[in-house]
Amino acid sequence: MYDVAIVGAGVIGLSIAYELARHGRQVVVLERGAPGREASWAGAGIIPPANPRTAIHAYDQLRGWSFQLHGEWAERLRVETGVDNGFRRCGGLYLARTAGEAAALAGFAEQLSVEQVRWESVRDRLAEIAPELRGSETRFRYVLFLSDEAQLRNPRHLQALQAACAARGVDWLTGQPVEQIEVQSGRIVGLRTASGGAVAEQYCFAGGAWTGQLLRGLGYGLGILPIRGQMLLYRVDPAAVTRIINEGPRYIVPRDDGHVLVGSTEEEVGFDKSNTSEGIGELTRFAEELVPALSRDRLIRSWAGLRPASFDGLPYIGRLPDHENGFVAAGHFRSGLYLSPGTAVMMRQLMLGQPSALDLAVFRVGRG
């Protein structure tokens, strides 16, 4: 018997397990595959700035809270485990060429209470960008430079979370998909897998893109869809790219050791994680046109992950309405790693009956 059983060992499930274990709960994590090997591992680890003081909507408040927590968590995990998750405030450039992207970027700037920068003020510091783009004021309709933008290295962060969970006594059942959720009198009483299962007082479902399928058996239609995101990895001189570059849904993220990640596509193809020539071609054209140092001979790897997208773009965070000891934290789409510390703290507050820092109503299961 555990206090809490968590289904899903991605960054959301691991963060919740860590937060609950820190507060004295005995936790078991069930994972259908290997811990931290799905969407959490596949992303680039961008931590965009967010301002909780100016945020009005609960989602923006969650973003602001998570942005503040990431630095604290990175330092605590480093002290507890010895793992540096690569959290760095490296700065980020945001570019918009189309009217739609410019409008979205202007809204983002308004939320942060920052002003659009003049292209002339930043272009001379952006040696990595192609000269024909750097020298033209008309290519970009809107430009932001955010010095507080940060990043972390997903695999290292997941490694640190696993080590911290293990040190606090979290148990694991890996390679075991949950085949049945057992219910009696409106309460979940157990999880069954092919080789056993787990029994707990509370259950939290954080299985990413697979969460909707799992909870369908309890009568919940979460509408979470897997959206494939393809990624590229280049290796260049570390001085060739020095800051994050964002343009619409695509990005270029440099690591300190010269690795550069490029992403990402958004494709509704079911649970297919394969790379395609079309997806790789789209990303290589974007990266190599913008940053010539990312030439084809510097491309060393590609992969894909399945981001869990909800119908309205908001994650599901809260209690299952018809099962008093059941909870869900899923559907974070491209922001799972970004929102993970804030989500974990909110779930800890909810599951332990503590006052919540945010209003969870907008994230509820069954919203219209």
Protein backbone atom coordinates (compact mmCIF):
# COMPACT_ATOMS: atom_id res chain seq x y z
CA MET A 1 0.00 0.00 0.00
CA TYR A 2 1.35 3.37 -1.08
CA ASP A 3 0.14 6.87 -0.33
CA VAL A 4 0.20 7.77 -4.03
CA ALA A 5 0.51 5.83 -7.28
CA ILE A 6 1.50 7.92 -10.30
CA VAL A 7 0.99 6.62 -13.83
CA GLY A 8 3.63 8.11 -16.13
CA ALA A 9 7.34 8.72 -15.62
CA GLY A 10 7.77 11.70 -17.92
CA VAL A 11 8.77 15.08 -16.55
CA ILE A 12 5.27 15.76 -15.18
CA GLY A 13 4.96 12.42 -13.38
CA LEU A 14 8.53 12.53 -12.06
CA SER A 15 8.13 16.11 -10.84
CA ILE A 16 4.93 15.26 -8.98
CA ALA A 17 6.56 12.16 -7.47
CA TYR A 18 9.54 14.22 -6.33
CA GLU A 19 7.37 16.97 -4.85
CA LEU A 20 5.14 14.51 -2.97
CA ALA A 21 8.12 12.48 -1.71
CA ARG A 22 9.71 15.71 -0.47
CA HIS A 23 6.60 16.17 1.65
CA GLY A 24 6.70 12.74 3.21
CA ARG A 25 4.46 10.69 0.92
CA GLN A 26 5.31 7.13 -0.06
CA VAL A 27 5.08 7.06 -3.86
CA VAL A 28 5.17 4.45 -6.61
CA VAL A 29 5.51 5.37 -10.29
CA LEU A 30 4.18 3.09 -13.04
CA GLU A 31 5.56 3.59 -16.55
CA ARG A 32 4.60 1.76 -19.73
CA GLY A 33 8.15 2.06 -21.11
CA ALA A 34 11.38 3.48 -19.73
CA PRO A 35 11.27 6.56 -17.46
CA GLY A 36 11.72 9.90 -19.18
CA ARG A 37 12.00 8.61 -22.75
CA GLU A 38 8.96 10.11 -24.45
CA ALA A 39 8.07 13.79 -25.10
CA SER A 40 9.98 14.95 -22.01
CA TRP A 41 13.25 13.66 -23.44
CA ALA A 42 12.55 14.73 -27.02
CA GLY A 43 12.19 18.50 -26.47
CA ALA A 44 14.73 21.31 -26.41
CA GLY A 45 14.27 22.56 -22.85
CA ILE A 46 13.41 26.21 -23.55
CA ILE A 47 12.28 28.18 -20.48
CA PRO A 48 10.68 31.40 -21.80
CA PRO A 49 10.38 34.37 -19.44
CA ALA A 50 7.01 34.92 -17.80
CA ASN A 51 5.77 37.50 -15.33
CA PRO A 52 3.35 36.19 -12.68
CA ARG A 53 2.72 39.71 -11.37
CA THR A 54 1.15 40.89 -14.61
CA ALA A 55 -0.55 37.59 -15.51
CA ILE A 56 -4.35 37.52 -15.35
CA HIS A 57 -5.27 34.11 -16.76
CA ALA A 58 -4.44 31.07 -14.59
CA TYR A 59 -2.39 29.54 -17.41
CA ASP A 60 -0.16 32.61 -17.61
CA GLN A 61 0.14 32.58 -13.83
CA LEU A 62 1.25 28.94 -14.04
CA ARG A 63 3.86 29.93 -16.63
CA GLY A 64 5.15 32.73 -14.43
CA TRP A 65 5.27 30.55 -11.34
CA SER A 66 7.07 27.75 -13.20
CA PHE A 67 9.61 30.19 -14.64
CA GLN A 68 10.47 31.32 -11.12
CA LEU A 69 10.67 27.76 -9.78
CA HIS A 70 13.02 26.37 -12.43
CA GLY A 71 16.10 28.08 -11.04
CA GLU A 72 15.27 26.92 -7.51
CA TRP A 73 14.66 23.35 -8.62
CA ALA A 74 17.86 23.23 -10.69
CA GLU A 75 19.97 24.25 -7.71
CA ARG A 76 18.15 21.92 -5.27
CA LEU A 77 18.46 18.96 -7.64
CA ARG A 78 22.17 19.69 -8.16
CA VAL A 79 22.75 19.73 -4.39
CA GLU A 80 20.69 16.57 -3.80
CA THR A 81 21.99 14.49 -6.71
CA GLY A 82 25.18 16.08 -8.03
CA VAL A 83 23.57 16.36 -11.48
CA ASP A 84 23.78 19.71 -13.26
CA ASN A 85 20.66 19.85 -15.43
CA GLY A 86 22.14 22.60 -17.60
CA PHE A 87 19.86 25.41 -16.45
CA ARG A 88 21.28 28.58 -17.99
CA ARG A 89 19.91 32.09 -18.61
CA CYS A 90 21.32 32.43 -22.12
CA GLY A 91 18.89 34.95 -23.61
CA GLY A 92 16.46 34.47 -26.46
CA LEU A 93 15.76 36.24 -29.73
CA TYR A 94 12.21 36.20 -31.11
CA LEU A 95 11.63 36.90 -34.79
CA ALA A 96 8.39 37.30 -36.74
CA ARG A 97 8.16 37.54 -40.53
CA THR A 98 4.41 37.13 -41.05
CA ALA A 99 1.60 39.35 -39.80
CA GLY A 100 0.15 36.51 -37.72
CA GLU A 101 3.45 35.73 -36.03
CA ALA A 102 4.02 39.45 -35.39
CA ALA A 103 0.61 39.76 -33.69
CA ALA A 104 1.30 36.74 -31.50
CA LEU A 105 4.70 38.08 -30.59
CA ALA A 106 3.26 41.50 -29.74
CA GLY A 107 0.79 39.81 -27.38
CA PHE A 108 3.63 37.88 -25.75
CA ALA A 109 5.58 41.12 -25.25
CA GLU A 110 2.53 42.79 -23.70
CA GLN A 111 2.18 39.96 -21.18
CA LEU A 112 5.79 40.40 -20.17
CA SER A 113 5.55 44.19 -20.04
CA VAL A 114 8.51 44.50 -22.42
CA GLU A 115 8.86 46.55 -25.56
CA GLN A 116 9.71 45.57 -29.11
CA VAL A 117 13.38 46.21 -29.85
CA ARG A 118 14.68 47.98 -32.92
CA TRP A 119 16.33 45.58 -35.36
CA GLU A 120 19.35 47.87 -35.59
CA SER A 121 19.94 47.53 -31.86
CA VAL A 122 20.39 43.76 -31.98
CA ARG A 123 21.50 42.76 -35.47
CA ASP A 124 25.16 43.68 -34.99
CA ARG A 125 25.32 41.29 -32.02
CA LEU A 126 23.88 38.38 -34.03
CA ALA A 127 26.81 37.16 -36.04
CA GLU A 128 25.24 33.70 -36.29
CA ILE A 129 22.34 34.93 -38.44
CA ALA A 130 22.80 34.89 -42.20
CA PRO A 131 24.16 38.25 -43.49
CA GLU A 132 21.35 38.64 -46.04
CA LEU A 133 18.81 38.42 -43.20
CA ARG A 134 20.82 40.40 -40.70
CA GLY A 135 21.22 43.34 -43.04
CA SER A 136 17.56 43.70 -43.95
CA GLU A 137 15.03 45.55 -41.82
CA THR A 138 12.09 44.37 -43.90
CA ARG A 139 12.48 40.61 -43.38
CA PHE A 140 11.22 40.73 -39.79
CA ARG A 141 8.02 42.50 -38.83
CA TYR A 142 8.62 42.16 -35.09
CA VAL A 143 11.75 41.49 -33.03
CA LEU A 144 12.21 40.83 -29.31
CA PHE A 145 15.34 40.08 -27.34
CA LEU A 146 14.71 38.64 -23.87
CA SER A 147 17.83 38.45 -21.75
CA ASP A 148 16.10 36.29 -19.09
CA GLU A 149 15.21 33.44 -21.45
CA ALA A 150 16.69 30.23 -20.09
CA GLN A 151 17.20 26.62 -21.08
CA LEU A 152 17.97 23.29 -19.51
CA ARG A 153 19.09 19.96 -20.91
CA ASN A 154 16.11 17.60 -20.87
CA PRO A 155 17.97 14.28 -20.42
CA ARG A 156 20.01 15.67 -17.54
CA HIS A 157 16.96 17.15 -15.85
CA LEU A 158 15.16 13.82 -16.10
CA GLN A 159 18.25 12.06 -14.76
CA ALA A 160 18.32 14.43 -11.79
CA LEU A 161 14.61 13.92 -11.08
CA GLN A 162 14.96 10.13 -11.18
CA ALA A 163 17.95 10.23 -8.83
CA ALA A 164 16.17 12.60 -6.43
CA CYS A 165 13.06 10.41 -6.42
CA ALA A 166 15.10 7.28 -5.77
CA ALA A 167 16.94 8.96 -2.90
CA ARG A 168 13.57 9.76 -1.29
CA GLY A 169 12.29 6.20 -1.55
CA VAL A 170 10.09 6.39 -4.63
CA ASP A 171 9.43 2.92 -6.07
CA TRP A 172 9.20 2.06 -9.79
CA LEU A 173 7.22 -0.33 -11.93
CA THR A 174 8.63 0.18 -15.43
CA GLY A 175 7.86 -1.55 -18.71
CA GLN A 176 4.38 -2.26 -17.39
CA PRO A 177 1.42 -0.57 -19.09
CA VAL A 178 -1.61 -0.21 -16.84
CA GLU A 179 -4.20 -2.63 -18.21
CA GLN A 180 -7.02 -2.02 -15.76
CA ILE A 181 -8.08 0.62 -13.25
CA GLU A 182 -10.08 -1.03 -10.48
CA VAL A 183 -12.94 0.96 -8.93
CA GLN A 184 -15.26 0.37 -5.97
CA SER A 185 -17.98 2.76 -4.80
CA GLY A 186 -16.55 5.76 -6.64
CA ARG A 187 -12.99 5.20 -5.46
CA ILE A 188 -10.03 3.84 -7.38
CA VAL A 189 -8.74 0.85 -5.43
CA GLY A 190 -5.93 -0.47 -7.61
CA LEU A 191 -4.00 -0.51 -10.86
CA ARG A 192 -3.38 -3.75 -12.67
CA THR A 193 -0.55 -4.57 -15.08
CA ALA A 194 0.37 -7.82 -16.80
CA SER A 195 2.77 -8.73 -14.00
CA GLY A 196 1.12 -7.20 -10.96
CA GLY A 197 0.13 -3.63 -10.18
CA ALA A 198 -0.13 -1.20 -7.31
CA VAL A 199 -2.53 -0.18 -4.57
CA ALA A 200 -2.57 3.31 -3.07
CA GLU A 201 -4.71 5.84 -1.28
CA GLN A 202 -4.50 8.30 -4.17
CA TYR A 203 -3.85 7.94 -7.90
CA CYS A 204 -2.47 10.51 -10.33
CA PHE A 205 -2.55 9.97 -14.09
CA ALA A 206 0.30 11.78 -15.86
CA GLY A 207 0.87 9.60 -18.90
CA GLY A 208 1.29 12.34 -21.50
CA ALA A 209 -0.21 11.50 -24.88
CA TRP A 210 -1.45 8.13 -23.57
CA THR A 211 -3.50 9.60 -20.70
CA GLY A 212 -6.70 10.00 -22.70
CA GLN A 213 -6.69 6.36 -23.74
CA LEU A 214 -6.10 5.20 -20.18
CA LEU A 215 -8.88 7.28 -18.62
CA ARG A 216 -11.41 6.42 -21.32
CA GLY A 217 -12.07 3.24 -19.37
CA LEU A 218 -13.31 5.36 -16.46
CA GLY A 219 -15.65 7.31 -18.71
CA TYR A 220 -13.57 10.43 -19.21
CA GLY A 221 -13.15 11.93 -22.67
CA LEU A 222 -10.11 14.15 -22.27
CA GLY A 223 -9.51 14.57 -25.98
CA ILE A 224 -5.73 14.47 -25.66
CA LEU A 225 -4.08 13.95 -29.06
CA PRO A 226 -0.47 12.94 -29.77
CA ILE A 227 1.19 15.59 -31.95
CA ARG A 228 4.49 14.51 -33.47
CA GLY A 229 7.38 16.91 -33.20
CA GLN A 230 10.51 16.13 -35.20
CA MET A 231 13.89 17.40 -34.02
CA LEU A 232 17.42 17.80 -35.39
CA LEU A 233 20.79 17.88 -33.64
CA TYR A 234 23.83 19.67 -35.09
CA ARG A 235 27.38 19.89 -33.80
CA VAL A 236 29.28 23.15 -34.42
CA ASP A 237 31.89 25.35 -32.82
CA PRO A 238 30.38 26.53 -29.49
CA ALA A 239 30.94 30.15 -30.53
CA ALA A 240 28.89 29.74 -33.72
CA VAL A 241 25.50 29.98 -31.99
CA THR A 242 25.25 31.60 -28.57
CA ARG A 243 21.58 32.29 -27.85
CA ILE A 244 18.16 30.77 -28.42
CA ILE A 245 16.46 31.87 -31.64
CA ASN A 246 12.66 31.54 -31.89
CA GLU A 247 10.55 32.06 -35.01
CA GLY A 248 6.92 31.04 -34.80
CA PRO A 249 6.75 27.42 -33.59
CA ARG A 250 10.38 26.73 -34.60
CA TYR A 251 13.54 27.30 -32.65
CA ILE A 252 17.31 26.91 -32.53
CA VAL A 253 18.80 26.11 -29.12
CA PRO A 254 22.59 26.08 -28.57
CA ARG A 255 24.22 24.05 -25.79
CA ASP A 256 27.49 25.04 -24.15
CA ASP A 257 29.37 22.14 -25.76
CA GLY A 258 28.53 23.04 -29.38
CA HIS A 259 25.45 20.85 -29.79
CA VAL A 260 22.54 22.75 -31.35
CA LEU A 261 18.94 21.54 -31.32
CA VAL A 262 16.48 22.55 -34.02
CA GLY A 263 12.74 21.97 -33.84
CA SER A 264 9.97 21.41 -34.24
CA THR A 265 7.23 20.16 -36.53
CA GLU A 266 3.60 19.77 -35.44
CA GLU A 267 1.98 16.75 -37.08
CA GLU A 268 -1.18 14.86 -36.19
CA VAL A 269 -0.20 11.31 -37.18
CA GLY A 270 -1.35 9.21 -34.25
CA PHE A 271 1.31 7.41 -32.23
CA ASP A 272 3.89 7.35 -35.02
CA LYS A 273 7.27 8.65 -33.79
CA SER A 274 9.22 8.10 -36.98
CA ASN A 275 11.14 10.83 -38.76
CA THR A 276 10.17 11.79 -42.29
CA SER A 277 12.12 13.30 -45.16
CA GLU A 278 9.54 16.11 -45.34
CA GLY A 279 9.89 16.98 -41.67
CA ILE A 280 13.68 16.87 -41.71
CA GLY A 281 13.72 18.92 -44.92
CA GLU A 282 11.48 21.59 -43.41
CA LEU A 283 13.68 21.95 -40.33
CA THR A 284 17.00 21.90 -42.18
CA ARG A 285 15.79 24.64 -44.54
CA PHE A 286 14.68 26.77 -41.59
CA ALA A 287 17.91 26.26 -39.63
CA GLU A 288 20.42 26.52 -42.45
CA GLU A 289 18.81 29.58 -44.04
CA LEU A 290 18.76 31.42 -40.73
CA VAL A 291 22.12 30.25 -39.33
CA PRO A 292 24.61 29.23 -42.06
CA ALA A 293 26.91 27.54 -39.51
CA LEU A 294 24.26 24.80 -39.32
CA SER A 295 25.30 23.26 -42.62
CA ARG A 296 24.12 19.81 -43.68
CA ASP A 297 27.49 18.21 -42.91
CA ARG A 298 27.08 19.33 -39.28
CA LEU A 299 23.80 17.44 -38.82
CA ILE A 300 24.43 14.41 -36.61
CA ARG A 301 21.03 13.11 -35.50
CA SER A 302 17.25 13.37 -35.77
CA TRP A 303 14.38 12.04 -33.66
CA ALA A 304 10.72 12.70 -32.86
CA GLY A 305 8.45 12.86 -29.82
CA LEU A 306 4.71 12.86 -29.24
CA ARG A 307 3.45 15.99 -27.51
CA PRO A 308 0.12 15.61 -25.65
CA ALA A 309 -2.24 18.30 -26.98
CA SER A 310 -5.65 19.11 -25.54
CA PHE A 311 -8.59 20.47 -27.53
CA ASP A 312 -8.25 24.02 -26.15
CA GLY A 313 -4.50 24.23 -25.56
CA LEU A 314 -4.76 24.04 -21.77
CA PRO A 315 -3.51 21.09 -19.72
CA TYR A 316 -5.76 19.02 -17.50
CA ILE A 317 -4.73 19.55 -13.90
CA GLY A 318 -6.97 18.54 -11.03
CA ARG A 319 -9.24 15.95 -9.52
CA LEU A 320 -11.24 13.40 -11.50
CA PRO A 321 -14.82 14.55 -10.82
CA ASP A 322 -16.38 11.09 -10.44
CA HIS A 323 -13.52 9.43 -8.55
CA GLU A 324 -12.67 11.21 -5.33
CA ASN A 325 -9.12 9.85 -4.99
CA GLY A 326 -8.17 10.18 -8.66
CA PHE A 327 -6.20 13.07 -10.17
CA VAL A 328 -4.82 14.00 -13.57
CA ALA A 329 -1.94 16.14 -14.84
CA ALA A 330 -1.62 15.81 -18.61
CA GLY A 331 -2.09 17.60 -21.92
CA HIS A 332 0.71 20.17 -21.57
CA PHE A 333 1.51 19.93 -25.32
CA ARG A 334 4.90 21.58 -26.00
CA SER A 335 5.23 23.03 -22.49
CA GLY A 336 5.46 19.96 -20.27
CA LEU A 337 9.02 20.53 -19.13
CA TYR A 338 8.47 24.27 -18.84
CA LEU A 339 5.34 23.92 -16.67
CA SER A 340 6.48 20.87 -14.71
CA PRO A 341 7.59 22.49 -11.41
CA GLY A 342 4.48 24.66 -11.15
CA THR A 343 2.25 21.71 -12.03
CA ALA A 344 3.97 19.52 -9.43
CA VAL A 345 3.53 22.07 -6.66
CA MET A 346 -0.15 22.59 -7.57
CA MET A 347 -0.77 18.85 -7.56
CA ARG A 348 0.97 18.48 -4.19
CA GLN A 349 -1.20 21.24 -2.72
CA LEU A 350 -4.36 19.69 -4.13
CA MET A 351 -3.59 16.09 -3.17
CA LEU A 352 -2.50 17.00 0.37
CA GLY A 353 -5.48 19.28 0.97
CA GLN A 354 -3.38 22.42 1.17
CA PRO A 355 -4.43 25.89 -0.05
CA SER A 356 -3.78 26.25 -3.77
CA ALA A 357 -1.66 29.06 -5.11
CA LEU A 358 -3.72 29.12 -8.34
CA ASP A 359 -7.35 28.67 -9.33
CA LEU A 360 -7.49 25.25 -11.00
CA ALA A 361 -10.97 25.66 -12.45
CA VAL A 362 -9.76 26.43 -15.98
CA PHE A 363 -7.74 23.19 -16.01
CA ARG A 364 -10.55 20.93 -14.78
CA VAL A 365 -11.61 17.68 -16.40
CA GLY A 366 -14.98 18.06 -18.16
CA ARG A 367 -14.61 21.71 -19.10
CA GLY A 368 -16.60 22.73 -22.14
